[in-house]
């Protein structure tokens, strides 16, 4: 029995398509749907650039107040995009929580799988827009290998028939 599901969104061009799959699954199983988006930490290079140009007190303030503000903004952006992408307004009620966490995407997603004790993980095959030579992305491959729950993988790109906006079918 599927009681709850976790949709891992990358905010990419194919996210609305994967969301529709997640909502259809939640609707079919009458399951709760949770959403997670992982924000990768700032690279060492970016941090060193900021340290070079910002006073330590300003940098500290940015880390203490700026990051949580950005995370909350991304959460709101996610929920707003769901309102625009959902075909049936009542489907929004299936979404129990939208969370944005900072860290390695695979680790963040697997942590949420464990914390929420979900029965199914829903992901897209990759986040690359346009034509990709790899049929599955790095994070999707890691999740397939490491997940303790079944993974529903939505194939994306030209081979799957799912196209990004403006991409012509060949």
C-alpha atoms as a PDB file:
ATOM      1  CA  UNK A   1       0.000   0.000   0.000  1.00  0.00           C
ATOM      2  CA  UNK A   2       1.285   3.459  -0.920  1.00  0.00           C
ATOM      3  CA  UNK A   3       0.564   5.911   1.883  1.00  0.00           C
ATOM      4  CA  UNK A   4       3.012   8.650   0.957  1.00  0.00           C
ATOM      5  CA  UNK A   5       5.373   9.675  -1.823  1.00  0.00           C
ATOM      6  CA  UNK A   6       8.265  12.076  -2.222  1.00  0.00           C
ATOM      7  CA  UNK A   7       8.738  14.051  -5.434  1.00  0.00           C
ATOM      8  CA  UNK A   8      12.285  15.386  -5.796  1.00  0.00           C
ATOM      9  CA  UNK A   9      12.159  18.494  -7.973  1.00  0.00           C
ATOM     10  CA  UNK A  10      15.157  20.022  -9.677  1.00  0.00           C
ATOM     11  CA  UNK A  11      13.245  23.125 -10.853  1.00  0.00           C
ATOM     12  CA  UNK A  12      14.421  22.252 -14.379  1.00  0.00           C
ATOM     13  CA  UNK A  13      12.553  22.624 -17.637  1.00  0.00           C
ATOM     14  CA  UNK A  14      11.007  19.163 -17.238  1.00  0.00           C
ATOM     15  CA  UNK A  15       9.832  19.693 -13.635  1.00  0.00           C
ATOM     16  CA  UNK A  16       6.177  20.330 -14.629  1.00  0.00           C
ATOM     17  CA  UNK A  17       6.086  16.984 -16.468  1.00  0.00           C
ATOM     18  CA  UNK A  18       7.526  15.100 -13.493  1.00  0.00           C
ATOM     19  CA  UNK A  19       5.095  16.937 -11.197  1.00  0.00           C
ATOM     20  CA  UNK A  20       2.169  15.690 -13.307  1.00  0.00           C
ATOM     21  CA  UNK A  21       3.438  12.116 -12.906  1.00  0.00           C
ATOM     22  CA  UNK A  22       3.797  12.619  -9.146  1.00  0.00           C
ATOM     23  CA  UNK A  23       0.296  14.039  -8.825  1.00  0.00           C
ATOM     24  CA  UNK A  24      -1.186  11.235 -10.929  1.00  0.00           C
ATOM     25  CA  UNK A  25       0.504   8.633  -8.722  1.00  0.00           C
ATOM     26  CA  UNK A  26      -0.632  10.357  -5.522  1.00  0.00           C
ATOM     27  CA  UNK A  27      -4.178  10.647  -6.891  1.00  0.00           C
ATOM     28  CA  UNK A  28      -4.269   6.987  -7.989  1.00  0.00           C
ATOM     29  CA  UNK A  29      -3.074   5.687  -4.635  1.00  0.00           C
ATOM     30  CA  UNK A  30      -4.820   8.360  -2.526  1.00  0.00           C
ATOM     31  CA  UNK A  31      -1.381   9.034  -1.045  1.00  0.00           C
ATOM     32  CA  UNK A  32       0.174  12.091   0.555  1.00  0.00           C
ATOM     33  CA  UNK A  33       2.713  13.825  -1.665  1.00  0.00           C
ATOM     34  CA  UNK A  34       5.767  15.592  -0.283  1.00  0.00           C
ATOM     35  CA  UNK A  35       8.125  17.698  -2.368  1.00  0.00           C
ATOM     36  CA  UNK A  36      11.840  18.251  -1.835  1.00  0.00           C
ATOM     37  CA  UNK A  37      14.285  20.462  -3.693  1.00  0.00           C
ATOM     38  CA  UNK A  38      17.982  20.262  -2.854  1.00  0.00           C
ATOM     39  CA  UNK A  39      20.184  23.321  -3.200  1.00  0.00           C
ATOM     40  CA  UNK A  40      23.824  22.447  -3.620  1.00  0.00           C
ATOM     41  CA  UNK A  41      26.137  24.241  -1.187  1.00  0.00           C
ATOM     42  CA  UNK A  42      28.245  27.106  -2.454  1.00  0.00           C
ATOM     43  CA  UNK A  43      31.462  25.933  -4.093  1.00  0.00           C
ATOM     44  CA  UNK A  44      34.823  26.611  -2.463  1.00  0.00           C
ATOM     45  CA  UNK A  45      35.656  28.929  -5.352  1.00  0.00           C
ATOM     46  CA  UNK A  46      32.499  30.997  -4.841  1.00  0.00           C
ATOM     47  CA  UNK A  47      33.153  31.186  -1.104  1.00  0.00           C
ATOM     48  CA  UNK A  48      36.720  32.359  -1.656  1.00  0.00           C
ATOM     49  CA  UNK A  49      35.525  35.035  -4.095  1.00  0.00           C
ATOM     50  CA  UNK A  50      33.012  36.301  -1.534  1.00  0.00           C
ATOM     51  CA  UNK A  51      35.681  36.285   1.181  1.00  0.00           C
ATOM     52  CA  UNK A  52      37.915  38.365  -1.090  1.00  0.00           C
ATOM     53  CA  UNK A  53      35.310  41.064  -1.680  1.00  0.00           C
ATOM     54  CA  UNK A  54      33.181  41.161   1.467  1.00  0.00           C
ATOM     55  CA  UNK A  55      34.041  42.181   4.996  1.00  0.00           C
ATOM     56  CA  UNK A  56      33.873  39.234   7.440  1.00  0.00           C
ATOM     57  CA  UNK A  57      30.872  40.758   9.258  1.00  0.00           C
ATOM     58  CA  UNK A  58      28.945  41.177   5.999  1.00  0.00           C
ATOM     59  CA  UNK A  59      29.811  37.646   4.892  1.00  0.00           C
ATOM     60  CA  UNK A  60      28.714  36.272   8.269  1.00  0.00           C
ATOM     61  CA  UNK A  61      25.428  38.171   8.041  1.00  0.00           C
ATOM     62  CA  UNK A  62      24.860  36.843   4.541  1.00  0.00           C
ATOM     63  CA  UNK A  63      25.379  33.268   5.727  1.00  0.00           C
ATOM     64  CA  UNK A  64      23.201  33.728   8.832  1.00  0.00           C
ATOM     65  CA  UNK A  65      20.304  35.628   7.247  1.00  0.00           C
ATOM     66  CA  UNK A  66      20.713  35.448   3.474  1.00  0.00           C
ATOM     67  CA  UNK A  67      20.739  31.686   3.003  1.00  0.00           C
ATOM     68  CA  UNK A  68      17.519  31.047   4.990  1.00  0.00           C
ATOM     69  CA  UNK A  69      15.836  33.888   3.085  1.00  0.00           C
ATOM     70  CA  UNK A  70      16.888  32.407  -0.262  1.00  0.00           C
ATOM     71  CA  UNK A  71      15.699  28.938   0.809  1.00  0.00           C
ATOM     72  CA  UNK A  72      12.290  30.317   1.847  1.00  0.00           C
ATOM     73  CA  UNK A  73      12.087  32.176  -1.461  1.00  0.00           C
ATOM     74  CA  UNK A  74      12.769  28.954  -3.397  1.00  0.00           C
ATOM     75  CA  UNK A  75      10.073  27.137  -1.385  1.00  0.00           C
ATOM     76  CA  UNK A  76       7.592  29.859  -2.294  1.00  0.00           C
ATOM     77  CA  UNK A  77       8.684  29.757  -5.955  1.00  0.00           C
ATOM     78  CA  UNK A  78       8.130  25.994  -6.003  1.00  0.00           C
ATOM     79  CA  UNK A  79       4.645  26.256  -4.557  1.00  0.00           C
ATOM     80  CA  UNK A  80       3.746  29.141  -6.907  1.00  0.00           C
ATOM     81  CA  UNK A  81       4.943  27.113  -9.908  1.00  0.00           C
ATOM     82  CA  UNK A  82       2.768  24.200  -8.751  1.00  0.00           C
ATOM     83  CA  UNK A  83      -0.281  26.466  -8.827  1.00  0.00           C
ATOM     84  CA  UNK A  84       0.536  27.348 -12.437  1.00  0.00           C
ATOM     85  CA  UNK A  85       1.404  23.779 -13.514  1.00  0.00           C
ATOM     86  CA  UNK A  86      -1.438  21.866 -11.866  1.00  0.00           C
ATOM     87  CA  UNK A  87      -4.275  20.901 -14.205  1.00  0.00           C
ATOM     88  CA  UNK A  88      -6.789  20.317 -11.414  1.00  0.00           C
ATOM     89  CA  UNK A  89      -6.779  22.821  -8.505  1.00  0.00           C
ATOM     90  CA  UNK A  90      -7.831  20.102  -6.038  1.00  0.00           C
ATOM     91  CA  UNK A  91      -4.523  18.334  -6.800  1.00  0.00           C
ATOM     92  CA  UNK A  92      -2.746  20.992  -4.726  1.00  0.00           C
ATOM     93  CA  UNK A  93      -4.399  19.438  -1.662  1.00  0.00           C
ATOM     94  CA  UNK A  94      -2.415  16.248  -2.334  1.00  0.00           C
ATOM     95  CA  UNK A  95       0.819  18.145  -1.588  1.00  0.00           C
ATOM     96  CA  UNK A  96       1.418  17.946   2.153  1.00  0.00           C
ATOM     97  CA  UNK A  97       4.689  19.883   2.321  1.00  0.00           C
ATOM     98  CA  UNK A  98       7.248  21.588   0.116  1.00  0.00           C
ATOM     99  CA  UNK A  99      10.761  21.593   1.529  1.00  0.00           C
ATOM    100  CA  UNK A 100      14.014  23.113   0.330  1.00  0.00           C
ATOM    101  CA  UNK A 101      17.209  21.885   1.944  1.00  0.00           C
ATOM    102  CA  UNK A 102      20.849  22.656   1.306  1.00  0.00           C
ATOM    103  CA  UNK A 103      23.320  19.866   0.633  1.00  0.00           C
ATOM    104  CA  UNK A 104      24.315  17.187  -1.824  1.00  0.00           C
ATOM    105  CA  UNK A 105      21.084  16.449  -3.737  1.00  0.00           C
ATOM    106  CA  UNK A 106      21.199  12.656  -3.395  1.00  0.00           C
ATOM    107  CA  UNK A 107      21.908  12.862   0.347  1.00  0.00           C
ATOM    108  CA  UNK A 108      19.208  15.494   0.923  1.00  0.00           C
ATOM    109  CA  UNK A 109      16.624  13.447  -0.968  1.00  0.00           C
ATOM    110  CA  UNK A 110      17.519  10.176   0.775  1.00  0.00           C
ATOM    111  CA  UNK A 111      17.405  11.927   4.168  1.00  0.00           C
ATOM    112  CA  UNK A 112      13.875  13.127   3.386  1.00  0.00           C
ATOM    113  CA  UNK A 113      12.866   9.627   2.256  1.00  0.00           C
ATOM    114  CA  UNK A 114      13.925   8.352   5.695  1.00  0.00           C
ATOM    115  CA  UNK A 115      12.545  11.260   7.728  1.00  0.00           C
ATOM    116  CA  UNK A 116       9.147  11.214   6.039  1.00  0.00           C
ATOM    117  CA  UNK A 117       9.042   7.405   5.851  1.00  0.00           C
ATOM    118  CA  UNK A 118       7.637   7.547   2.310  1.00  0.00           C
ATOM    119  CA  UNK A 119       6.747   4.501   0.247  1.00  0.00           C
ATOM    120  CA  UNK A 120       7.843   5.816  -3.163  1.00  0.00           C
ATOM    121  CA  UNK A 121      10.387   8.286  -4.525  1.00  0.00           C
ATOM    122  CA  UNK A 122       9.512  10.108  -7.768  1.00  0.00           C
ATOM    123  CA  UNK A 123      12.297  11.694  -9.848  1.00  0.00           C
ATOM    124  CA  UNK A 124      13.131  12.762 -13.386  1.00  0.00           C
ATOM    125  CA  UNK A 125      15.880  10.926 -15.247  1.00  0.00           C
ATOM    126  CA  UNK A 126      18.064  14.034 -15.482  1.00  0.00           C
ATOM    127  CA  UNK A 127      17.929  17.788 -15.196  1.00  0.00           C
ATOM    128  CA  UNK A 128      19.840  18.676 -18.355  1.00  0.00           C
ATOM    129  CA  UNK A 129      17.846  20.808 -20.745  1.00  0.00           C
ATOM    130  CA  UNK A 130      17.987  20.162 -24.434  1.00  0.00           C
ATOM    131  CA  UNK A 131      19.758  17.169 -25.925  1.00  0.00           C
ATOM    132  CA  UNK A 132      21.812  15.101 -23.512  1.00  0.00           C
ATOM    133  CA  UNK A 133      24.193  12.262 -24.329  1.00  0.00           C
ATOM    134  CA  UNK A 134      23.459  10.621 -20.997  1.00  0.00           C
ATOM    135  CA  UNK A 135      20.105   8.907 -20.553  1.00  0.00           C
ATOM    136  CA  UNK A 136      20.272   9.306 -16.771  1.00  0.00           C
ATOM    137  CA  UNK A 137      21.820  12.003 -14.629  1.00  0.00           C
ATOM    138  CA  UNK A 138      24.304  11.616 -11.789  1.00  0.00           C
ATOM    139  CA  UNK A 139      21.781  12.269  -9.004  1.00  0.00           C
ATOM    140  CA  UNK A 140      19.155   9.959 -10.520  1.00  0.00           C
ATOM    141  CA  UNK A 141      21.735   7.173 -10.870  1.00  0.00           C
ATOM    142  CA  UNK A 142      22.813   7.578  -7.246  1.00  0.00           C
ATOM    143  CA  UNK A 143      19.207   7.552  -6.046  1.00  0.00           C
ATOM    144  CA  UNK A 144      18.445   4.379  -7.995  1.00  0.00           C
ATOM    145  CA  UNK A 145      21.472   2.714  -6.402  1.00  0.00           C
ATOM    146  CA  UNK A 146      20.988   3.914  -2.835  1.00  0.00           C
ATOM    147  CA  UNK A 147      17.244   4.294  -2.270  1.00  0.00           C
ATOM    148  CA  UNK A 148      15.656   2.003   0.271  1.00  0.00           C
ATOM    149  CA  UNK A 149      12.233   2.522  -1.318  1.00  0.00           C
ATOM    150  CA  UNK A 150      11.028   1.982  -4.893  1.00  0.00           C
ATOM    151  CA  UNK A 151      11.914   4.780  -7.323  1.00  0.00           C
ATOM    152  CA  UNK A 152       9.533   5.956 -10.034  1.00  0.00           C
ATOM    153  CA  UNK A 153      11.823   7.363 -12.738  1.00  0.00           C
ATOM    154  CA  UNK A 154      10.270   9.651 -15.356  1.00  0.00           C
ATOM    155  CA  UNK A 155      12.313   9.491 -18.579  1.00  0.00           C
ATOM    156  CA  UNK A 156      13.042  12.940 -19.997  1.00  0.00           C
ATOM    157  CA  UNK A 157      14.367  14.279 -23.263  1.00  0.00           C
ATOM    158  CA  UNK A 158      13.968  13.578 -26.968  1.00  0.00           C
ATOM    159  CA  UNK A 159      14.069   9.763 -26.732  1.00  0.00           C
ATOM    160  CA  UNK A 160      11.182   9.762 -24.240  1.00  0.00           C
ATOM    161  CA  UNK A 161       8.990  12.114 -26.236  1.00  0.00           C
ATOM    162  CA  UNK A 162       9.108  14.665 -23.417  1.00  0.00           C
ATOM    163  CA  UNK A 163      10.408  17.924 -24.789  1.00  0.00           C
ATOM    164  CA  UNK A 164      11.394  21.213 -23.276  1.00  0.00           C
ATOM    165  CA  UNK A 165       9.616  24.363 -24.423  1.00  0.00           C
ATOM    166  CA  UNK A 166      10.801  25.431 -27.859  1.00  0.00           C
ATOM    167  CA  UNK A 167      12.563  22.143 -28.597  1.00  0.00           C
ATOM    168  CA  UNK A 168      11.569  20.707 -31.970  1.00  0.00           C
ATOM    169  CA  UNK A 169      10.905  17.009 -32.334  1.00  0.00           C
ATOM    170  CA  UNK A 170      13.181  15.274 -34.821  1.00  0.00           C
END
